[in-house]
């Protein structure tokens, strides 16, 4: 199993591809749908679904362009089921002259659980705090977790947007992400990858926090 990071859109949010043979899952198509679709076409991939870590505008900007091109379903946590259609919730309403919206998700995630999509087996980890419906996707077979804007290399997600809460975010990180195997790669919503051990030892936002 392979993965590919693709920074897209004006804020360079990370879209990801999880690839097994000629099939793939797409995570957070935040912009530049033509770029995402062209990559899929060039590699001869068959996309099976789009999985959203959360519904902020910089992670959903190309959602409809990509899903309509390939006719695939979208997964999102139920706490943000209205965010795709509402610019005031997904944050784009704060941008002058720019509103980002998309059609509703096809499948709503309720919390921790499992997803089996084609050859892909994922664990959904409910990790709120950055947003009320943030989900991290743990792929044990690939030793990685796609964390969205929950955990970054040397940082954590902002909590000053709708539904954000710092204590909730820190609890999510400590209970759901830092308990994963130390060698697990953390694929974040912005910036480079890191791993669980590095963030346990070096992330200044996590030092001194106790549950």
Protein backbone atom coordinates (compact mmCIF):
# COMPACT_ATOMS: atom_id res chain seq x y z
CA UNK A 1 0.00 0.00 0.00
CA UNK A 2 1.30 3.46 -0.93
CA UNK A 3 0.33 7.04 -0.15
CA UNK A 4 0.83 10.37 -1.86
CA UNK A 5 0.54 13.91 -0.46
CA UNK A 6 -0.65 16.70 -2.74
CA UNK A 7 -0.80 20.27 -1.36
CA UNK A 8 -3.68 22.10 -3.06
CA UNK A 9 -5.54 25.38 -2.96
CA UNK A 10 -4.58 28.86 -1.77
CA UNK A 11 -3.70 27.66 1.74
CA UNK A 12 -1.90 24.55 0.46
CA UNK A 13 -3.96 22.07 2.45
CA UNK A 14 -2.81 18.51 1.98
CA UNK A 15 -4.95 16.19 -0.10
CA UNK A 16 -3.90 12.56 0.19
CA UNK A 17 -4.19 9.45 -1.92
CA UNK A 18 -4.07 6.00 -0.35
CA UNK A 19 -3.23 3.54 -3.11
CA UNK A 20 -3.50 -0.24 -3.34
CA UNK A 21 -2.63 -1.65 -6.76
CA UNK A 22 -4.80 0.42 -9.14
CA UNK A 23 -7.42 1.52 -6.60
CA UNK A 24 -7.32 4.55 -4.33
CA UNK A 25 -9.05 6.57 -1.67
CA UNK A 26 -8.94 10.37 -1.74
CA UNK A 27 -8.71 12.42 1.44
CA UNK A 28 -9.55 16.13 1.74
CA UNK A 29 -9.66 17.41 -1.86
CA UNK A 30 -9.32 21.02 -0.78
CA UNK A 31 -8.77 22.68 -4.15
CA UNK A 32 -7.35 22.36 -7.65
CA UNK A 33 -9.70 19.59 -8.67
CA UNK A 34 -8.13 19.46 -12.12
CA UNK A 35 -4.78 18.64 -10.54
CA UNK A 36 -6.27 15.87 -8.42
CA UNK A 37 -8.22 14.40 -11.34
CA UNK A 38 -5.23 14.57 -13.64
CA UNK A 39 -3.07 12.65 -11.17
CA UNK A 40 -5.71 9.92 -10.92
CA UNK A 41 -5.95 9.72 -14.70
CA UNK A 42 -2.18 9.70 -15.29
CA UNK A 43 -1.64 6.92 -12.75
CA UNK A 44 -4.52 4.85 -14.09
CA UNK A 45 -6.21 4.71 -10.70
CA UNK A 46 -9.78 3.84 -9.86
CA UNK A 47 -10.96 6.01 -6.95
CA UNK A 48 -13.45 4.38 -4.61
CA UNK A 49 -14.40 7.16 -2.18
CA UNK A 50 -13.56 10.55 -0.73
CA UNK A 51 -12.98 10.73 3.02
CA UNK A 52 -13.01 14.08 4.80
CA UNK A 53 -11.14 14.69 8.03
CA UNK A 54 -13.38 17.72 8.57
CA UNK A 55 -15.37 20.23 6.56
CA UNK A 56 -13.39 23.48 6.70
CA UNK A 57 -13.36 25.23 3.33
CA UNK A 58 -9.67 24.59 2.62
CA UNK A 59 -10.30 20.84 2.77
CA UNK A 60 -13.46 20.70 0.63
CA UNK A 61 -12.86 23.22 -2.17
CA UNK A 62 -12.63 20.61 -4.93
CA UNK A 63 -15.00 18.10 -3.38
CA UNK A 64 -17.79 18.25 -5.96
CA UNK A 65 -15.44 18.53 -8.93
CA UNK A 66 -13.65 15.34 -7.91
CA UNK A 67 -16.63 13.30 -6.79
CA UNK A 68 -18.68 14.15 -9.87
CA UNK A 69 -15.80 13.27 -12.17
CA UNK A 70 -15.54 9.76 -10.73
CA UNK A 71 -19.04 9.19 -9.33
CA UNK A 72 -17.82 8.26 -5.85
CA UNK A 73 -19.31 8.69 -2.35
CA UNK A 74 -18.16 11.12 0.33
CA UNK A 75 -17.68 10.31 4.02
CA UNK A 76 -17.89 12.96 6.77
CA UNK A 77 -18.60 13.00 10.50
CA UNK A 78 -22.24 13.63 11.36
CA UNK A 79 -21.37 16.63 13.57
CA UNK A 80 -20.51 18.56 10.42
CA UNK A 81 -23.22 17.25 8.13
CA UNK A 82 -24.49 20.79 7.47
CA UNK A 83 -21.07 22.38 6.95
CA UNK A 84 -20.61 21.44 3.31
CA UNK A 85 -23.61 23.52 2.27
CA UNK A 86 -23.10 26.42 4.71
CA UNK A 87 -20.25 28.89 4.13
CA UNK A 88 -20.77 30.44 7.57
CA UNK A 89 -19.98 27.09 9.20
CA UNK A 90 -17.11 25.88 6.99
CA UNK A 91 -15.25 29.16 7.37
CA UNK A 92 -15.37 30.43 3.82
CA UNK A 93 -17.93 33.03 4.80
CA UNK A 94 -15.08 34.95 6.43
CA UNK A 95 -13.37 35.36 3.05
CA UNK A 96 -14.27 38.44 1.07
CA UNK A 97 -16.10 37.48 -2.10
CA UNK A 98 -15.41 33.76 -1.78
CA UNK A 99 -17.89 31.18 -0.56
CA UNK A 100 -17.05 27.49 -0.73
CA UNK A 101 -19.90 25.00 -0.63
CA UNK A 102 -20.52 21.45 -1.76
CA UNK A 103 -23.31 18.92 -1.90
CA UNK A 104 -24.02 16.94 1.28
CA UNK A 105 -21.97 13.89 2.17
CA UNK A 106 -23.24 10.46 1.17
CA UNK A 107 -22.19 8.69 4.37
CA UNK A 108 -22.02 10.10 7.90
CA UNK A 109 -19.50 8.79 10.40
CA UNK A 110 -20.79 8.55 13.96
CA UNK A 111 -17.58 8.07 15.96
CA UNK A 112 -14.84 5.52 16.44
CA UNK A 113 -15.33 2.53 14.21
CA UNK A 114 -14.17 0.69 11.13
CA UNK A 115 -14.51 1.35 7.43
CA UNK A 116 -13.97 -1.28 4.77
CA UNK A 117 -13.88 0.19 1.27
CA UNK A 118 -12.63 -2.16 -1.42
CA UNK A 119 -9.19 -3.43 -0.33
CA UNK A 120 -8.84 -0.68 2.28
CA UNK A 121 -9.44 -1.25 5.98
CA UNK A 122 -9.45 1.90 8.11
CA UNK A 123 -10.21 2.76 11.71
CA UNK A 124 -12.11 6.01 12.20
CA UNK A 125 -10.93 7.90 15.28
CA UNK A 126 -13.23 10.68 16.47
CA UNK A 127 -10.79 13.50 17.29
CA UNK A 128 -12.77 16.72 17.91
CA UNK A 129 -11.31 19.97 19.14
CA UNK A 130 -10.13 21.69 15.99
CA UNK A 131 -13.68 21.28 14.77
CA UNK A 132 -16.62 19.38 16.26
CA UNK A 133 -16.52 16.63 13.65
CA UNK A 134 -12.82 16.09 13.11
CA UNK A 135 -11.96 12.49 12.26
CA UNK A 136 -8.54 10.87 11.96
CA UNK A 137 -8.19 7.78 9.78
CA UNK A 138 -5.80 5.11 11.05
CA UNK A 139 -4.57 2.59 8.49
CA UNK A 140 -2.80 -0.14 10.40
CA UNK A 141 -1.72 -1.99 7.26
CA UNK A 142 0.20 1.10 6.13
CA UNK A 143 1.38 2.28 9.58
CA UNK A 144 -0.14 5.73 9.14
CA UNK A 145 -2.85 8.01 10.40
CA UNK A 146 -4.36 10.85 8.39
CA UNK A 147 -5.01 13.44 11.09
CA UNK A 148 -6.36 16.45 9.21
CA UNK A 149 -5.82 19.62 11.25
CA UNK A 150 -5.70 17.87 14.62
CA UNK A 151 -1.95 17.24 14.90
CA UNK A 152 0.96 18.70 12.95
CA UNK A 153 4.72 18.39 13.01
CA UNK A 154 5.52 20.43 16.11
CA UNK A 155 2.02 21.86 16.38
CA UNK A 156 -1.68 21.31 16.91
CA UNK A 157 -4.80 22.59 15.19
CA UNK A 158 -6.23 26.03 15.86
CA UNK A 159 -9.25 26.16 18.13
CA UNK A 160 -10.61 29.68 17.54
CA UNK A 161 -13.09 28.69 14.83
CA UNK A 162 -16.68 27.46 15.22
CA UNK A 163 -16.85 24.46 17.53
CA UNK A 164 -13.17 24.56 18.43
CA UNK A 165 -11.96 23.83 21.95
CA UNK A 166 -8.34 23.48 23.02
CA UNK A 167 -8.87 21.13 25.96
CA UNK A 168 -11.01 18.85 23.78
CA UNK A 169 -8.34 18.91 21.08
CA UNK A 170 -5.52 18.02 23.48
CA UNK A 171 -7.59 15.20 24.94
CA UNK A 172 -8.27 13.86 21.45
CA UNK A 173 -4.57 13.90 20.60
CA UNK A 174 -3.48 12.20 23.80
CA UNK A 175 -6.24 9.58 23.90
CA UNK A 176 -6.55 8.75 20.19
CA UNK A 177 -3.31 9.61 18.39
CA UNK A 178 -0.45 9.37 20.88
CA UNK A 179 -1.70 5.93 21.90
CA UNK A 180 -1.01 4.58 18.40
CA UNK A 181 2.25 2.66 17.82
CA UNK A 182 5.24 5.00 18.08
CA UNK A 183 6.37 4.37 14.51
CA UNK A 184 2.99 5.41 13.06
CA UNK A 185 3.32 8.14 10.43
CA UNK A 186 1.12 11.17 11.02
CA UNK A 187 -0.08 12.69 7.75
CA UNK A 188 -1.29 16.17 8.63
CA UNK A 189 -3.63 18.58 6.92
CA UNK A 190 -0.83 21.07 6.31
CA UNK A 191 2.93 20.69 6.13
CA UNK A 192 5.14 17.58 6.20
CA UNK A 193 4.53 14.21 7.79
CA UNK A 194 5.78 13.36 11.25
CA UNK A 195 5.38 10.33 13.52
CA UNK A 196 3.84 9.57 16.88
CA UNK A 197 7.12 9.20 18.78
CA UNK A 198 8.48 12.52 17.51
CA UNK A 199 5.36 14.37 18.61
CA UNK A 200 5.32 12.61 21.98
CA UNK A 201 8.89 13.75 22.64
CA UNK A 202 9.19 17.10 20.86
CA UNK A 203 5.82 18.78 20.31
CA UNK A 204 5.87 21.83 22.61
CA UNK A 205 2.06 22.07 22.67
CA UNK A 206 1.77 18.61 24.20
CA UNK A 207 4.40 18.85 26.92
CA UNK A 208 2.97 19.24 30.38
CA UNK A 209 -0.60 18.43 29.41
CA UNK A 210 -2.32 15.88 31.63
CA UNK A 211 -5.73 14.30 31.25
